[in-house]
Amino acid sequence: MTDSPHETWRENYDAARTRDADFTTLSGIPLEPVYGPRDGEFPGQFPYTRGIHASMYRSKLWTMRMFAGFGTALDTNARFREIIGAGGTGLSTAFDMPTLLGLDSDDPMALGEVGRCGVAIDSLADVRDLFAGIDLSRITTSMTINSPAAVMLALFVAQAEESGVARSLLGGTLQNDILKEYQAQKEFVFPPRQSMRLVRDTMAFTAAEMPKWNSISVSGYHIREAGSTAAEELAFTLANGFAYVELAREAGLGVDDVAPRLSFFFNAHIDFFEEIAKYRAARRVWATWLRGHYGARDERSWQLRFHTQTAGVSLTAQQPEVNIARTAIEALAGVLGGTQSLHTNSMDEAIALPTAKAARVALRTQQVLAHETNVAHVADPLGGSYFVEELTSEVERQAQEILADIMEKGHGSMLEGCITGIEENWFQGRIADSAYALEKSFNSGRRIVVGVNAFTEGNDEDDLAILRITSDDEKKQVTRLARVRASRDTARVDEALATLSREAADPTINLMPALIDAARVEATVGEMMGAMVKVFGRHVEVPSL
């Protein structure tokens, strides 16, 4: 006779590892770790609709990973220290547009954008400043970068080892999700198939050398920000995840070698219950596909782990203090949906990069959820709700239909389906259609946005202090880069870049060692990307008419 789901859950629930907290309501009513029929699904059980761990937040709260980056590396280092001092438990690095596009700060195309939307990183010297005084063996680091992701990983490894931290001790995540760049965010450099070579190389390198590192954070966030529906965000994101599994398999890696090291990144939008349903459905879809279609046998491969960020696109420049309420609601959806990590946007982000005060308020929002509301005491507290369960199933149904379409495009391969869909502008077209439909509902007034198309009293009272990045910051960064170029060994740089170009021409060679060697001799981001452009070429998107 097999154990009931409840008995299996009880065996996996480790009460000795729970947090030091009173698991009661504010009035003293004791709370169970989970609620539901004894023969129903429980957290930590396939297909993980209710969460990937038996104890969920009773054992460990979600990581409060605040996104930060602006100006120079020294500026951002100071903000990192503020976040850690305020109780942040993970760092997430935002890079400026030139860095995201693989350009150096002195490139003519970078003019006016250096340090504006994130931190400017040109060379190893900047990475030293970025993490100065931060023990990378003790704090996890996420880097939101895609086309130059392999270059940034090389700089990060070179800096860590220079400071005495072995690469095997480094914990964190590289976003490295190039497919969604072509689908939604558009920060690409190389053509899709050449870009996937670099993704493959980082996956293989981290699998062999960096056991604590997640080589890809498959990102639906930017797909949703571009205007997709919740089901499209879920389906496109998981399709990309399946594509990376197939890519790794082509490189000789087993599904159970790769899947446990994939993490995901979802949006927390303003439709509270739809977002909770989306997260629950995503876990279910991922688990069933990994076990059924891809043959994964390791339970960790079936468990979809994800970071959540509240929806930047939902924030308004009008009455920006109202964004605190929006962010709190979106963050609560992420927590009730079972996220492993969370970033809360700041109230001023529709206007500028966040000030230190606004970022602190955003972090405090998470801390209120974690420590005052008691929502972390019970796993999947909305599980069993007629509405939530039905909505979860409907989001799953829509997502499965989309996944079937992508698989058909690839003639049985999700990897080929994703690349073909990009080349045919299929993904881009669906997102554009969804974004247009949503915008029409706002413009017609059918959907209300407080302070924008209704309740506009107080819109003229804005006196919010904002963070301003000036041209002086750009000049400082360009001057810093000039000093690096003048002080380095040019011959060693030229040799390292020549090696990189030569090895890029041989698809059987993993490029990570050559990139790390180039980083160590102070080759710049733009130079390393340029050495690969010589071989890979540049991608130019041809829009559909």
Protein backbone atom coordinates (compact mmCIF):
# COMPACT_ATOMS: atom_id res chain seq x y z
CA MET A 1 0.00 0.00 0.00
CA THR A 2 1.49 3.34 -1.07
CA ASP A 3 1.64 6.34 1.19
CA SER A 4 -1.01 9.02 0.71
CA PRO A 5 0.14 12.39 -0.70
CA HIS A 6 -0.21 13.84 2.79
CA GLU A 7 1.95 11.12 4.35
CA THR A 8 4.59 11.58 1.65
CA TRP A 9 4.56 15.32 2.25
CA ARG A 10 4.88 14.80 6.01
CA GLU A 11 7.94 12.58 5.45
CA ASN A 12 9.59 15.32 3.36
CA TYR A 13 8.66 18.17 5.67
CA ASP A 14 11.60 18.80 7.97
CA ALA A 15 10.22 20.58 11.02
CA ALA A 16 13.70 20.84 12.51
CA ARG A 17 14.76 23.18 9.71
CA THR A 18 11.94 25.70 10.04
CA ARG A 19 12.66 29.34 10.69
CA ASP A 20 12.64 30.72 14.21
CA ALA A 21 9.15 32.23 14.08
CA ASP A 22 5.77 31.92 15.76
CA PHE A 23 3.65 30.22 13.11
CA THR A 24 0.41 31.73 14.35
CA THR A 25 -1.91 34.53 13.31
CA LEU A 26 -1.53 37.91 14.96
CA SER A 27 -4.26 36.81 17.37
CA GLY A 28 -2.46 33.60 18.27
CA ILE A 29 -4.31 31.06 16.12
CA PRO A 30 -1.88 28.24 15.24
CA LEU A 31 -1.24 27.75 11.52
CA GLU A 32 -0.47 24.49 9.76
CA PRO A 33 2.34 24.47 7.16
CA VAL A 34 -0.16 23.63 4.40
CA TYR A 35 -3.88 23.02 4.00
CA GLY A 36 -5.81 20.68 1.72
CA PRO A 37 -7.37 17.22 1.43
CA ARG A 38 -5.08 14.38 2.45
CA ASP A 39 -5.36 12.79 -0.99
CA GLY A 40 -4.70 16.05 -2.86
CA GLU A 41 -1.48 17.60 -4.11
CA PHE A 42 1.00 18.99 -1.58
CA PRO A 43 4.04 21.26 -1.93
CA GLY A 44 7.22 19.49 -2.95
CA GLN A 45 5.31 16.86 -4.96
CA PHE A 46 5.14 16.42 -8.72
CA PRO A 47 3.97 18.43 -10.67
CA TYR A 48 4.75 21.09 -8.03
CA THR A 49 1.69 23.25 -8.64
CA ARG A 50 1.73 24.17 -4.95
CA GLY A 51 5.47 24.84 -4.69
CA ILE A 52 8.78 23.06 -5.21
CA HIS A 53 9.64 22.52 -1.53
CA ALA A 54 7.63 20.69 1.12
CA SER A 55 8.13 23.45 3.67
CA MET A 56 8.32 26.45 1.29
CA TYR A 57 8.87 29.69 3.24
CA ARG A 58 8.61 27.99 6.64
CA SER A 59 12.22 26.89 6.18
CA LYS A 60 13.62 29.77 4.14
CA LEU A 61 12.18 33.05 2.99
CA TRP A 62 12.54 34.08 -0.62
CA THR A 63 15.77 35.87 -1.50
CA MET A 64 15.28 39.64 -1.48
CA ARG A 65 17.40 40.33 -4.53
CA MET A 66 17.33 44.05 -5.29
CA PHE A 67 18.24 45.19 -8.81
CA ALA A 68 20.78 48.03 -8.84
CA GLY A 69 23.17 49.72 -11.19
CA PHE A 70 23.87 53.27 -12.32
CA GLY A 71 26.70 55.59 -13.25
CA THR A 72 30.16 54.25 -12.59
CA ALA A 73 31.12 50.99 -10.91
CA LEU A 74 32.04 52.93 -7.75
CA ASP A 75 28.57 54.51 -7.67
CA THR A 76 26.91 51.11 -7.94
CA ASN A 77 29.24 49.55 -5.39
CA ALA A 78 28.03 52.14 -2.87
CA ARG A 79 24.40 51.22 -3.66
CA PHE A 80 25.21 47.51 -3.30
CA ARG A 81 26.60 48.19 0.16
CA GLU A 82 23.46 50.13 1.09
CA ILE A 83 21.27 47.22 -0.04
CA ILE A 84 23.29 44.69 1.95
CA GLY A 85 23.26 46.99 4.97
CA ALA A 86 19.47 47.36 4.71
CA GLY A 87 18.99 43.59 4.81
CA GLY A 88 19.15 42.62 1.14
CA THR A 89 20.26 39.02 0.73
CA GLY A 90 21.30 39.00 -2.93
CA LEU A 91 22.69 41.39 -5.51
CA SER A 92 21.36 41.87 -9.02
CA THR A 93 23.33 44.02 -11.41
CA ALA A 94 21.76 46.35 -13.98
CA PHE A 95 24.06 47.39 -16.82
CA ASP A 96 23.80 50.49 -18.98
CA MET A 97 22.71 50.29 -22.62
CA PRO A 98 26.21 50.44 -24.14
CA THR A 99 27.33 47.51 -21.99
CA LEU A 100 24.18 45.55 -22.83
CA LEU A 101 24.97 46.05 -26.51
CA GLY A 102 28.63 45.15 -26.12
CA LEU A 103 29.91 48.69 -26.69
CA ASP A 104 32.67 50.50 -24.81
CA SER A 105 31.87 53.81 -23.16
CA ASP A 106 34.00 55.72 -25.66
CA ASP A 107 32.20 54.23 -28.66
CA PRO A 108 30.39 56.97 -30.67
CA MET A 109 27.18 54.92 -30.40
CA ALA A 110 27.40 55.12 -26.58
CA LEU A 111 27.26 58.92 -26.43
CA GLY A 112 24.60 60.11 -24.00
CA GLU A 113 23.81 56.62 -22.67
CA VAL A 114 26.79 55.83 -20.44
CA GLY A 115 25.64 54.97 -16.92
CA ARG A 116 22.07 56.09 -17.62
CA CYS A 117 20.02 52.94 -17.22
CA GLY A 118 22.58 50.89 -15.32
CA VAL A 119 26.25 50.66 -14.48
CA ALA A 120 28.91 51.17 -17.18
CA ILE A 121 31.35 48.25 -17.37
CA ASP A 122 34.22 48.43 -19.84
CA SER A 123 36.98 46.26 -18.40
CA LEU A 124 38.27 44.25 -15.46
CA ALA A 125 39.15 47.51 -13.70
CA ASP A 126 35.43 48.37 -13.50
CA VAL A 127 34.49 44.93 -12.18
CA ARG A 128 37.09 45.34 -9.44
CA ASP A 129 35.38 48.56 -8.38
CA LEU A 130 31.91 47.09 -8.72
CA PHE A 131 32.52 44.35 -6.14
CA ALA A 132 35.13 46.04 -3.96
CA GLY A 133 34.68 45.04 -0.32
CA ILE A 134 31.99 42.44 -1.14
CA ASP A 135 32.75 38.80 -0.37
CA LEU A 136 31.62 36.97 -3.50
CA SER A 137 31.98 33.62 -1.75
CA ARG A 138 29.21 34.59 0.69
CA ILE A 139 26.68 36.57 -1.34
CA THR A 140 25.00 35.48 -4.56
CA THR A 141 25.12 37.74 -7.58
CA SER A 142 22.79 37.99 -10.54
CA MET A 143 23.83 39.74 -13.74
CA THR A 144 21.13 40.92 -16.12
CA ILE A 145 22.96 40.77 -19.42
CA ASN A 146 22.44 38.70 -22.53
CA SER A 147 24.35 39.19 -25.79
CA PRO A 148 27.65 39.98 -23.97
CA ALA A 149 26.80 37.53 -21.15
CA ALA A 150 29.83 35.28 -21.81
CA VAL A 151 32.09 38.34 -21.76
CA MET A 152 30.64 39.56 -18.46
CA LEU A 153 30.95 36.09 -16.91
CA ALA A 154 34.60 36.04 -17.98
CA LEU A 155 35.22 39.42 -16.32
CA PHE A 156 33.41 38.28 -13.17
CA VAL A 157 35.44 35.05 -12.90
CA ALA A 158 38.71 36.89 -13.55
CA GLN A 159 37.95 39.47 -10.86
CA ALA A 160 36.84 36.87 -8.29
CA GLU A 161 39.93 34.74 -8.79
CA GLU A 162 42.14 37.83 -8.64
CA SER A 163 40.59 38.61 -5.23
CA GLY A 164 41.14 35.05 -3.99
CA VAL A 165 37.71 33.49 -4.57
CA ALA A 166 37.81 30.30 -6.61
CA ARG A 167 35.31 30.03 -9.45
CA SER A 168 33.91 26.88 -7.83
CA LEU A 169 32.73 28.98 -4.86
CA LEU A 170 30.87 31.60 -6.90
CA GLY A 171 27.10 31.51 -6.54
CA GLY A 172 24.66 33.39 -8.68
CA THR A 173 22.96 33.64 -12.03
CA LEU A 174 23.77 34.93 -15.48
CA GLN A 175 20.66 35.94 -17.39
CA ASN A 176 22.18 34.84 -20.72
CA ASP A 177 18.73 34.34 -22.32
CA ILE A 178 19.43 35.44 -25.86
CA LEU A 179 16.25 34.03 -27.41
CA LYS A 180 13.99 36.52 -25.65
CA GLU A 181 16.20 39.34 -26.89
CA TYR A 182 15.15 38.60 -30.47
CA GLN A 183 11.57 38.02 -29.34
CA ALA A 184 11.08 41.07 -27.14
CA GLN A 185 13.91 43.18 -25.73
CA LYS A 186 16.05 43.64 -28.90
CA GLU A 187 19.48 43.92 -27.23
CA PHE A 188 21.18 41.51 -29.60
CA VAL A 189 24.53 41.68 -31.42
CA PHE A 190 25.20 38.40 -33.23
CA PRO A 191 22.76 36.39 -35.39
CA PRO A 192 20.60 33.93 -33.42
CA ARG A 193 22.42 30.72 -34.25
CA GLN A 194 25.85 32.22 -33.50
CA SER A 195 24.54 33.64 -30.23
CA MET A 196 23.34 30.20 -29.22
CA ARG A 197 26.94 28.97 -29.61
CA LEU A 198 27.94 31.32 -26.78
CA VAL A 199 25.03 30.18 -24.63
CA ARG A 200 26.12 26.59 -25.18
CA ASP A 201 29.69 27.44 -24.19
CA THR A 202 28.65 29.14 -20.94
CA MET A 203 26.38 26.21 -20.05
CA ALA A 204 29.15 23.67 -20.61
CA PHE A 205 31.76 25.79 -18.81
CA THR A 206 29.67 26.41 -15.69
CA ALA A 207 28.54 22.76 -15.57
CA ALA A 208 32.21 21.72 -15.44
CA GLU A 209 33.76 24.55 -13.44
CA MET A 210 31.10 26.42 -11.40
CA PRO A 211 28.77 24.04 -9.54
CA LYS A 212 26.98 26.83 -7.65
CA TRP A 213 26.31 28.96 -10.72
CA ASN A 214 23.13 29.11 -12.82
CA SER A 215 24.25 29.69 -16.40
CA ILE A 216 20.87 30.92 -17.68
CA SER A 217 17.94 32.75 -16.17
CA VAL A 218 15.22 32.15 -18.74
CA SER A 219 13.40 35.43 -18.75
CA GLY A 220 9.71 35.98 -19.35
CA TYR A 221 9.90 39.35 -17.66
CA HIS A 222 10.86 41.27 -20.78
CA ILE A 223 8.37 39.35 -22.90
CA ARG A 224 5.59 40.54 -20.60
CA GLU A 225 6.97 44.08 -20.43
CA ALA A 226 6.84 44.17 -24.24
CA GLY A 227 3.10 43.52 -24.08
CA SER A 228 2.43 39.78 -24.11
CA THR A 229 -0.43 38.13 -22.27
CA ALA A 230 0.23 36.06 -19.14
CA ALA A 231 -0.17 32.80 -21.09
CA GLU A 232 2.22 34.03 -23.80
CA GLU A 233 4.77 35.02 -21.18
CA LEU A 234 4.54 31.56 -19.65
CA ALA A 235 4.62 29.67 -22.96
CA PHE A 236 7.37 31.68 -24.67
CA THR A 237 9.54 31.52 -21.55
CA LEU A 238 9.19 27.77 -21.07
CA ALA A 239 9.67 27.19 -24.81
CA ASN A 240 12.98 29.02 -24.55
CA GLY A 241 13.86 26.91 -21.52
CA PHE A 242 13.11 23.71 -23.43
CA ALA A 243 15.22 25.06 -26.32
CA TYR A 244 18.21 25.52 -24.00
CA VAL A 245 17.76 21.96 -22.72
CA GLU A 246 17.90 20.73 -26.32
CA LEU A 247 20.92 22.94 -27.01
CA ALA A 248 22.75 21.44 -24.04
CA ARG A 249 21.85 17.96 -25.20
CA GLU A 250 23.40 18.72 -28.60
CA ALA A 251 26.58 19.72 -26.73
CA GLY A 252 26.71 16.31 -25.08
CA LEU A 253 25.24 17.34 -21.72
CA GLY A 254 22.50 15.24 -20.16
CA VAL A 255 19.14 16.79 -19.33
CA ASP A 256 19.71 16.13 -15.63
CA ASP A 257 23.12 17.82 -15.84
CA VAL A 258 21.55 21.02 -17.13
CA ALA A 259 17.92 21.40 -16.06
CA PRO A 260 18.59 21.74 -12.30
CA ARG A 261 20.91 24.66 -13.11
CA LEU A 262 18.33 26.59 -15.12
CA SER A 263 16.45 29.32 -13.30
CA PHE A 264 13.56 31.42 -14.56
CA PHE A 265 12.56 35.05 -14.29
CA PHE A 266 8.90 36.07 -14.39
CA ASN A 267 6.98 39.31 -14.28
CA ALA A 268 4.61 40.10 -11.41
CA HIS A 269 1.95 42.18 -13.12
CA ILE A 270 -0.99 43.99 -11.59
CA ASP A 271 -3.73 41.37 -12.26
CA PHE A 272 -3.31 39.74 -8.87
CA PHE A 273 -5.01 36.36 -9.32
CA GLU A 274 -3.90 35.86 -12.92
CA GLU A 275 -0.27 36.21 -11.83
CA ILE A 276 -0.66 33.66 -9.03
CA ALA A 277 -2.31 31.26 -11.48
CA LYS A 278 0.50 31.85 -13.98
CA TYR A 279 3.21 30.80 -11.52
CA ARG A 280 1.29 27.70 -10.45
CA ALA A 281 0.64 26.71 -14.06
CA ALA A 282 4.28 27.33 -15.02
CA ARG A 283 5.54 24.85 -12.44
CA ARG A 284 3.05 22.25 -13.65
CA VAL A 285 3.90 22.68 -17.34
CA TRP A 286 7.65 22.60 -16.76
CA ALA A 287 7.47 19.48 -14.59
CA THR A 288 5.29 17.51 -16.99
CA TRP A 289 7.39 18.40 -20.06
CA LEU A 290 10.74 17.72 -18.38
CA ARG A 291 9.67 14.33 -17.10
CA GLY A 292 7.42 13.26 -19.97
CA HIS A 293 8.98 14.75 -23.09
CA TYR A 294 12.64 15.20 -22.15
CA GLY A 295 12.99 12.14 -19.94
CA ALA A 296 14.48 13.88 -16.90
CA ARG A 297 14.80 11.56 -13.92
CA ASP A 298 16.26 13.90 -11.31
CA GLU A 299 13.45 15.55 -9.33
CA ARG A 300 15.43 18.78 -9.31
CA SER A 301 15.06 18.89 -13.10
CA TRP A 302 11.28 18.87 -12.74
CA GLN A 303 11.26 21.73 -10.23
CA LEU A 304 10.91 25.14 -11.84
CA ARG A 305 12.79 27.69 -9.74
CA PHE A 306 12.14 31.34 -10.51
CA HIS A 307 12.91 34.92 -9.63
CA THR A 308 10.15 37.51 -9.83
CA GLN A 309 10.26 41.24 -10.45
CA THR A 310 7.29 43.53 -10.10
CA ALA A 311 6.06 45.03 -13.37
CA GLY A 312 7.98 48.11 -14.44
CA VAL A 313 5.45 48.70 -17.19
CA SER A 314 2.67 49.06 -14.63
CA LEU A 315 4.35 52.03 -12.95
CA THR A 316 3.20 55.55 -13.75
CA ALA A 317 5.00 58.88 -13.84
CA GLN A 318 1.76 60.47 -12.64
CA GLN A 319 1.30 60.33 -8.84
CA PRO A 320 4.40 58.12 -8.45
CA GLU A 321 3.75 57.42 -4.76
CA VAL A 322 0.81 55.26 -5.88
CA ASN A 323 3.42 52.93 -7.38
CA ILE A 324 4.26 51.80 -3.84
CA ALA A 325 0.77 50.27 -3.63
CA ARG A 326 1.06 48.69 -7.08
CA THR A 327 4.42 47.18 -6.20
CA ALA A 328 3.17 45.78 -2.90
CA ILE A 329 0.23 44.05 -4.61
CA GLU A 330 2.45 42.63 -7.35
CA ALA A 331 5.04 41.45 -4.82
CA LEU A 332 2.31 39.73 -2.80
CA ALA A 333 1.23 37.86 -5.95
CA GLY A 334 4.81 36.67 -6.42
CA VAL A 335 5.00 35.43 -2.83
CA LEU A 336 1.60 33.72 -2.88
CA GLY A 337 2.64 32.16 -6.18
CA GLY A 338 5.74 30.64 -4.58
CA THR A 339 8.67 32.60 -6.00
CA GLN A 340 12.20 31.77 -4.81
CA SER A 341 13.53 35.30 -5.25
CA LEU A 342 11.97 38.74 -5.56
CA HIS A 343 12.82 42.26 -6.67
CA THR A 344 10.42 45.09 -5.90
CA ASN A 345 10.49 48.12 -8.18
CA SER A 346 10.88 51.59 -6.72
CA MET A 347 8.17 54.21 -6.93
CA ASP A 348 10.24 56.56 -9.11
CA GLU A 349 11.30 54.12 -11.82
CA ALA A 350 8.81 55.44 -14.39
CA ILE A 351 10.74 58.72 -14.20
CA ALA A 352 14.37 57.83 -13.52
CA LEU A 353 16.65 55.29 -11.90
CA PRO A 354 15.68 54.88 -8.24
CA THR A 355 17.06 57.05 -5.50
CA ALA A 356 18.53 55.35 -2.46
CA LYS A 357 15.41 56.22 -0.45
CA ALA A 358 13.03 54.85 -3.07
CA ALA A 359 15.05 51.63 -3.32
CA ARG A 360 14.97 51.28 0.47
CA VAL A 361 11.18 51.69 0.52
CA ALA A 362 10.93 49.00 -2.16
CA LEU A 363 13.02 46.62 -0.07
CA ARG A 364 11.02 47.48 3.05
CA THR A 365 7.89 46.46 1.11
CA GLN A 366 9.28 42.92 0.85
CA GLN A 367 10.28 42.93 4.49
CA VAL A 368 6.75 43.92 5.54
CA LEU A 369 5.37 41.02 3.49
CA ALA A 370 7.90 38.62 5.00
CA HIS A 371 7.72 39.65 8.63
CA GLU A 372 4.42 41.43 9.31
CA THR A 373 1.71 39.85 7.15
CA ASN A 374 2.32 36.18 8.06
CA VAL A 375 1.77 35.19 4.40
CA ALA A 376 4.99 33.17 4.53
CA HIS A 377 3.64 30.87 7.25
CA VAL A 378 1.53 28.67 4.95
CA ALA A 379 2.48 27.17 1.58
CA ASP A 380 0.17 27.98 -1.35
CA PRO A 381 -2.54 29.50 0.86
CA LEU A 382 -4.86 30.04 -2.14
CA GLY A 383 -4.60 26.42 -3.28
CA GLY A 384 -8.05 24.87 -3.47
CA SER A 385 -9.79 28.14 -4.24
CA TYR A 386 -12.32 27.40 -6.99
CA PHE A 387 -11.28 30.58 -8.80
CA VAL A 388 -7.52 30.12 -8.49
CA GLU A 389 -7.61 26.45 -9.48
CA GLU A 390 -9.80 27.12 -12.53
CA LEU A 391 -7.66 30.09 -13.57
CA THR A 392 -4.49 28.02 -13.16
CA SER A 393 -5.91 25.34 -15.46
CA GLU A 394 -7.01 27.88 -18.06
CA VAL A 395 -3.62 29.61 -18.17
CA GLU A 396 -2.01 26.18 -18.50
CA ARG A 397 -4.38 25.22 -21.34
CA GLN A 398 -3.59 28.38 -23.31
CA ALA A 399 0.13 27.94 -22.74
CA GLN A 400 0.06 24.32 -23.90
CA GLU A 401 -1.63 25.37 -27.15
CA ILE A 402 1.12 27.90 -27.82
CA LEU A 403 3.85 25.37 -27.00
CA ALA A 404 2.31 22.93 -29.47
CA ASP A 405 2.44 25.62 -32.18
CA ILE A 406 6.14 26.30 -31.51
CA MET A 407 6.97 22.60 -31.51
CA GLU A 408 5.18 22.24 -34.85
CA LYS A 409 7.29 25.06 -36.29
CA GLY A 410 10.39 23.15 -35.31
CA HIS A 411 9.11 19.82 -36.65
CA GLY A 412 9.44 18.25 -33.23
CA SER A 413 12.31 20.41 -31.95
CA MET A 414 11.60 23.27 -29.56
CA LEU A 415 15.07 24.68 -30.26
CA GLU A 416 14.42 24.85 -33.98
CA GLY A 417 10.87 26.08 -33.37
CA CYS A 418 12.11 29.02 -31.29
CA ILE A 419 14.77 30.02 -33.83
CA THR A 420 12.39 29.61 -36.78
CA GLY A 421 9.73 31.61 -34.94
CA ILE A 422 12.26 34.41 -34.42
CA GLU A 423 13.41 34.34 -38.03
CA GLU A 424 9.80 34.48 -39.22
CA ASN A 425 8.90 37.26 -36.73
CA TRP A 426 6.18 35.01 -35.29
CA PHE A 427 6.98 35.75 -31.64
CA GLN A 428 7.41 39.45 -32.33
CA GLY A 429 4.07 39.60 -34.13
CA ARG A 430 2.11 37.88 -31.38
CA ILE A 431 3.57 40.16 -28.72
CA ALA A 432 2.83 43.25 -30.83
CA ASP A 433 -0.79 42.17 -31.35
CA SER A 434 -1.28 41.55 -27.61
CA ALA A 435 0.34 44.86 -26.70
CA TYR A 436 -1.89 46.72 -29.18
CA ALA A 437 -5.05 45.12 -27.79
CA LEU A 438 -4.09 46.04 -24.22
CA GLU A 439 -3.20 49.62 -25.16
CA LYS A 440 -6.56 50.03 -26.92
CA SER A 441 -8.32 49.03 -23.70
CA PHE A 442 -6.43 51.74 -21.80
CA ASN A 443 -7.00 54.41 -24.43
CA SER A 444 -10.72 53.66 -24.59
CA GLY A 445 -11.05 53.84 -20.83
CA ARG A 446 -12.31 50.25 -20.61
CA ARG A 447 -9.40 49.55 -18.27
CA ILE A 448 -8.58 52.19 -15.70
CA VAL A 449 -5.07 53.20 -14.74
CA VAL A 450 -5.19 55.39 -11.64
CA GLY A 451 -3.70 58.81 -12.32
CA VAL A 452 -3.51 58.24 -16.08
CA ASN A 453 -7.01 57.89 -17.50
CA ALA A 454 -8.95 58.35 -14.25
CA PHE A 455 -8.52 59.86 -10.78
CA THR A 456 -6.03 62.41 -12.04
CA GLU A 457 -6.45 64.90 -9.18
CA GLY A 458 -3.01 65.56 -7.77
CA ASN A 459 -1.11 64.95 -11.00
CA ASP A 460 0.27 68.49 -10.85
CA GLU A 461 1.63 68.07 -7.32
CA ASP A 462 4.73 66.06 -8.23
CA ASP A 463 7.82 67.22 -6.36
CA LEU A 464 9.55 63.84 -6.12
CA ALA A 465 13.32 63.97 -5.80
CA ILE A 466 14.90 61.85 -8.52
CA LEU A 467 18.35 60.48 -9.29
CA ARG A 468 20.05 62.31 -12.14
CA ILE A 469 22.94 60.84 -14.14
CA THR A 470 24.88 63.71 -15.67
CA SER A 471 27.30 64.05 -18.55
CA ASP A 472 30.03 64.42 -15.91
CA ASP A 473 29.50 60.76 -14.99
CA GLU A 474 29.98 59.82 -18.61
CA LYS A 475 33.17 61.85 -18.86
CA LYS A 476 34.55 60.15 -15.73
CA GLN A 477 33.90 56.72 -17.22
CA VAL A 478 35.48 57.59 -20.57
CA THR A 479 38.52 59.03 -18.80
CA ARG A 480 38.80 55.87 -16.70
CA LEU A 481 38.70 53.74 -19.85
CA ALA A 482 41.44 55.84 -21.46
CA ARG A 483 43.67 55.23 -18.42
CA VAL A 484 43.09 51.47 -18.68
CA ARG A 485 44.01 51.46 -22.36
CA ALA A 486 47.18 53.49 -21.67
CA SER A 487 48.40 51.33 -18.79
CA ARG A 488 47.82 47.81 -20.13
CA ASP A 489 50.15 45.62 -22.18
CA THR A 490 48.87 46.20 -25.71
CA ALA A 491 50.74 43.26 -27.20
CA ARG A 492 49.13 40.83 -24.73
CA VAL A 493 45.70 42.30 -25.46
CA ASP A 494 46.20 41.95 -29.22
CA GLU A 495 47.35 38.36 -28.80
CA ALA A 496 44.36 37.48 -26.59
CA LEU A 497 41.89 39.03 -29.04
CA ALA A 498 43.49 37.26 -32.00
CA THR A 499 43.16 33.95 -30.15
CA LEU A 500 39.51 34.71 -29.42
CA SER A 501 38.74 35.39 -33.08
CA ARG A 502 40.62 32.27 -34.19
CA GLU A 503 38.80 30.03 -31.71
CA ALA A 504 35.42 31.62 -32.52
CA ALA A 505 35.84 30.25 -36.05
CA ASP A 506 35.98 26.68 -34.68
CA PRO A 507 32.55 25.72 -33.26
CA THR A 508 34.05 22.75 -31.42
CA ILE A 509 36.06 25.04 -29.08
CA ASN A 510 34.53 26.44 -25.89
CA LEU A 511 35.20 30.19 -25.91
CA MET A 512 35.04 30.77 -22.15
CA PRO A 513 38.76 30.11 -21.45
CA ALA A 514 39.79 32.51 -24.23
CA LEU A 515 37.40 35.15 -22.92
CA ILE A 516 38.75 34.81 -19.37
CA ASP A 517 42.31 35.14 -20.68
CA ALA A 518 41.31 38.30 -22.58
CA ALA A 519 39.59 39.72 -19.49
CA ARG A 520 42.71 39.18 -17.38
CA VAL A 521 44.89 41.29 -19.70
CA GLU A 522 42.35 44.16 -19.58
CA ALA A 523 40.73 43.66 -22.99
CA THR A 524 37.51 45.66 -23.01
CA VAL A 525 33.95 44.49 -23.48
CA GLY A 526 33.78 46.20 -26.88
CA GLU A 527 37.06 44.68 -28.01
CA MET A 528 36.06 41.14 -27.03
CA MET A 529 32.68 41.51 -28.71
CA GLY A 530 34.38 43.00 -31.78
CA ALA A 531 36.75 40.04 -32.02
CA MET A 532 33.73 37.72 -32.22
CA VAL A 533 31.79 39.99 -34.61
CA LYS A 534 34.61 39.47 -37.12
CA VAL A 535 33.61 35.79 -37.22
CA PHE A 536 29.91 35.75 -36.28
CA GLY A 537 28.73 38.95 -38.00
CA ARG A 538 25.96 41.24 -36.70
CA HIS A 539 22.23 40.58 -36.67
CA VAL A 540 19.86 43.03 -38.34
CA GLU A 541 16.17 42.39 -37.73
CA VAL A 542 13.96 42.64 -40.83
CA PRO A 543 10.49 43.75 -39.71
CA SER A 544 7.34 42.24 -41.13
CA LEU A 545 5.20 44.61 -43.19
